[in-house]
Amino acid sequence: MNIVLLGSPGSGKGTQGALLSSHTDLPRISTGDLLRSAVARQTPLGQKARSFMDQGLLVPDDVIVGLIEEVLASDEVERGVIMDGFPRTVRQAEAVDRALSVRGALVDHVLYIDVPEDELVRRMMGRANKEGRSDDTPDAMRERFRVFWKQTAPLIAYYRDKKRLTEVSGLGGIEAIQKRILSALEQ
């Protein structure tokens, strides 16, 4: 089973992706974690990515698509995968579709975690204080929301047209959201 978690920055994709991975025993691909790791290790990809991330911008498709295509071709994801924060654009979604089709697979479920913007800001400010993330500044947050609605939100229509999208409320506690996600996957 191949699952995509969609949602604006701060919607809980990472938390819910980790919980879903534990529940399903499917590996979780988080481009955010992969990129932050590359930044911390100061790899060439990490250095390139950092300049975009610190401004709240998306890392260019060519960098991300190459990384994801490599992961989707690996034996690690043969039974399926949870894609957390990827794809972020329709172009990336089309690349995921192509990469999975090589294996005779497709994206089975897309869960859009919907959270109001005021709640997102509250969560992200708390995360910034707790984790010290350089990409959770007020200016970067505003830019990330702008970029999400311009570039990532079209994925909602893309997957809705493919009859694979389920909207899940991202309000409430972690366990309540997890229950809604698991219920959506059973439908």
Protein backbone atom coordinates (compact mmCIF):
# COMPACT_ATOMS: atom_id res chain seq x y z
CA MET A 1 0.00 0.00 0.00
CA ASN A 2 1.40 3.39 -1.03
CA ILE A 3 0.14 6.35 0.98
CA VAL A 4 0.72 10.08 0.53
CA LEU A 5 0.23 12.44 3.46
CA LEU A 6 -0.63 15.98 2.34
CA GLY A 7 -1.00 19.03 4.52
CA SER A 8 0.36 22.48 5.01
CA PRO A 9 3.48 23.05 7.10
CA GLY A 10 2.72 22.28 10.74
CA SER A 11 -0.29 20.07 9.96
CA GLY A 12 1.20 17.03 11.68
CA LYS A 13 2.30 15.03 8.64
CA GLY A 14 5.55 14.01 10.35
CA THR A 15 3.93 12.93 13.59
CA GLN A 16 1.11 11.09 11.85
CA GLY A 17 3.48 9.59 9.28
CA ALA A 18 5.64 8.08 12.05
CA LEU A 19 2.57 6.69 13.84
CA LEU A 20 1.16 5.29 10.61
CA SER A 21 4.51 3.68 9.79
CA SER A 22 4.51 1.94 13.18
CA HIS A 23 0.91 0.82 12.73
CA THR A 24 1.32 -0.52 9.17
CA ASP A 25 4.98 -1.57 9.33
CA LEU A 26 5.54 0.37 6.11
CA PRO A 27 8.63 2.55 5.73
CA ARG A 28 8.08 6.29 5.88
CA ILE A 29 9.80 8.61 3.45
CA SER A 30 10.00 12.14 4.75
CA THR A 31 11.82 14.47 2.42
CA GLY A 32 11.96 17.03 5.22
CA ASP A 33 13.87 14.63 7.46
CA LEU A 34 16.10 13.51 4.59
CA LEU A 35 16.89 17.11 3.65
CA ARG A 36 17.46 18.25 7.25
CA SER A 37 19.84 15.32 7.68
CA ALA A 38 21.72 16.33 4.52
CA VAL A 39 21.89 19.92 5.84
CA ALA A 40 23.23 18.74 9.21
CA ARG A 41 25.86 16.59 7.47
CA GLN A 42 26.68 19.56 5.18
CA THR A 43 26.52 17.44 2.04
CA PRO A 44 26.42 19.28 -1.30
CA LEU A 45 22.68 18.53 -1.52
CA GLY A 46 22.25 19.74 2.04
CA GLN A 47 24.04 23.00 1.38
CA LYS A 48 21.97 23.62 -1.73
CA ALA A 49 18.77 22.70 0.06
CA ARG A 50 19.50 24.86 3.12
CA SER A 51 19.41 28.11 1.18
CA PHE A 52 15.89 27.29 -0.02
CA MET A 53 14.65 25.87 3.30
CA ASP A 54 15.81 28.86 5.36
CA GLN A 55 13.75 31.13 3.11
CA GLY A 56 10.68 28.91 3.42
CA LEU A 57 10.95 27.91 -0.24
CA LEU A 58 10.58 24.45 -1.70
CA VAL A 59 13.76 22.64 -2.70
CA PRO A 60 13.80 22.43 -6.54
CA ASP A 61 12.05 19.48 -8.14
CA ASP A 62 15.14 18.11 -9.86
CA VAL A 63 16.94 17.61 -6.54
CA ILE A 64 13.95 16.07 -4.77
CA VAL A 65 12.67 13.95 -7.66
CA GLY A 66 16.05 12.27 -8.16
CA LEU A 67 16.23 11.43 -4.47
CA ILE A 68 12.69 10.05 -4.33
CA GLU A 69 12.98 8.06 -7.57
CA GLU A 70 16.00 6.33 -6.10
CA VAL A 71 14.11 5.48 -2.90
CA LEU A 72 10.99 4.26 -4.76
CA ALA A 73 13.15 1.90 -6.84
CA SER A 74 14.68 0.30 -3.74
CA ASP A 75 13.68 -3.05 -2.24
CA GLU A 76 12.93 -1.24 1.03
CA VAL A 77 9.59 -0.01 -0.32
CA GLU A 78 8.53 -3.16 -2.19
CA ARG A 79 5.48 -3.73 0.09
CA GLY A 80 4.57 -0.06 0.05
CA VAL A 81 5.56 3.26 1.53
CA ILE A 82 4.23 6.25 3.41
CA MET A 83 5.23 9.48 1.67
CA ASP A 84 5.28 12.29 4.21
CA GLY A 85 5.63 15.73 2.66
CA PHE A 86 6.18 14.39 -0.82
CA PRO A 87 5.08 14.96 -3.49
CA ARG A 88 4.80 18.72 -3.10
CA THR A 89 3.93 19.69 -6.66
CA VAL A 90 1.89 18.14 -9.46
CA ARG A 91 5.15 17.57 -11.37
CA GLN A 92 6.51 15.59 -8.42
CA ALA A 93 3.24 13.63 -8.17
CA GLU A 94 3.56 12.67 -11.82
CA ALA A 95 7.16 11.54 -11.14
CA VAL A 96 5.93 9.41 -8.21
CA ASP A 97 3.26 7.88 -10.46
CA ARG A 98 5.89 7.02 -13.10
CA ALA A 99 8.33 5.58 -10.53
CA LEU A 100 5.65 3.42 -8.95
CA SER A 101 4.26 2.26 -12.31
CA VAL A 102 7.65 0.71 -13.10
CA ARG A 103 6.90 -1.64 -10.19
CA GLY A 104 3.30 -2.14 -11.27
CA ALA A 105 2.12 -0.03 -8.32
CA LEU A 106 0.34 3.27 -7.75
CA VAL A 107 -0.53 5.70 -4.99
CA ASP A 108 -3.38 3.93 -3.19
CA HIS A 109 -4.41 6.57 -0.65
CA VAL A 110 -3.84 10.30 -0.29
CA LEU A 111 -4.74 11.76 3.08
CA TYR A 112 -5.03 15.54 3.26
CA ILE A 113 -4.65 16.67 6.89
CA ASP A 114 -6.64 19.89 7.03
CA VAL A 115 -5.76 22.41 9.78
CA PRO A 116 -6.76 26.12 10.04
CA GLU A 117 -3.84 28.55 9.59
CA ASP A 118 -4.05 30.07 13.10
CA GLU A 119 -3.60 26.60 14.61
CA LEU A 120 -0.70 25.92 12.21
CA VAL A 121 1.12 29.07 13.36
CA ARG A 122 0.62 28.13 17.02
CA ARG A 123 2.00 24.65 16.41
CA MET A 124 4.97 25.85 14.38
CA MET A 125 5.96 28.46 16.95
CA GLY A 126 5.89 25.76 19.63
CA ARG A 127 7.99 23.47 17.43
CA ALA A 128 10.48 26.25 16.71
CA ASN A 129 10.94 26.91 20.42
CA LYS A 130 11.24 23.21 21.27
CA GLU A 131 13.42 22.02 18.37
CA GLY A 132 15.27 25.22 17.42
CA ARG A 133 14.45 24.75 13.73
CA SER A 134 15.82 27.47 11.47
CA ASP A 135 12.90 27.08 9.05
CA ASP A 136 10.23 27.96 11.65
CA THR A 137 10.72 31.73 11.85
CA PRO A 138 7.66 33.99 11.39
CA ASP A 139 8.88 35.20 7.97
CA ALA A 140 9.71 31.68 6.83
CA MET A 141 6.29 30.45 8.05
CA ARG A 142 4.45 33.09 6.03
CA GLU A 143 6.48 32.17 2.96
CA ARG A 144 5.90 28.44 3.49
CA PHE A 145 2.12 28.97 3.70
CA ARG A 146 2.22 31.12 0.53
CA VAL A 147 4.27 28.49 -1.30
CA PHE A 148 2.00 25.67 -0.05
CA TRP A 149 -1.15 27.31 -1.38
CA LYS A 150 0.48 28.21 -4.68
CA GLN A 151 2.42 25.01 -5.45
CA THR A 152 1.26 22.18 -3.20
CA ALA A 153 -2.46 22.79 -2.81
CA PRO A 154 -3.07 21.90 -6.51
CA LEU A 155 -2.25 18.31 -5.47
CA ILE A 156 -5.58 18.24 -3.66
CA ALA A 157 -7.39 18.59 -6.99
CA TYR A 158 -4.91 16.28 -8.74
CA TYR A 159 -5.57 13.40 -6.34
CA ARG A 160 -9.28 14.19 -5.98
CA ASP A 161 -9.59 13.77 -9.77
CA LYS A 162 -7.91 10.36 -9.44
CA LYS A 163 -10.43 9.41 -6.70
CA ARG A 164 -7.63 8.79 -4.19
CA LEU A 165 -8.02 11.81 -1.86
CA THR A 166 -9.54 11.71 1.61
CA GLU A 167 -9.68 14.86 3.74
CA VAL A 168 -9.00 14.34 7.44
CA SER A 169 -9.44 16.99 10.12
CA GLY A 170 -6.09 17.77 11.73
CA LEU A 171 -7.65 19.39 14.80
CA GLY A 172 -7.52 17.81 18.21
CA GLY A 173 -5.02 15.56 19.89
CA ILE A 174 -2.55 13.29 18.15
CA GLU A 175 -4.51 10.13 19.01
CA ALA A 176 -7.81 11.55 17.72
CA ILE A 177 -6.19 12.52 14.43
CA GLN A 178 -4.55 9.09 14.18
CA LYS A 179 -7.95 7.39 14.64
CA ARG A 180 -9.43 9.51 11.85
CA ILE A 181 -6.52 8.59 9.55
CA LEU A 182 -6.81 4.86 10.27
CA SER A 183 -10.56 5.04 9.70
CA ALA A 184 -9.99 6.78 6.35
CA LEU A 185 -7.61 4.02 5.24
CA GLU A 186 -10.23 1.37 5.99
CA GLN A 187 -12.74 2.92 3.57
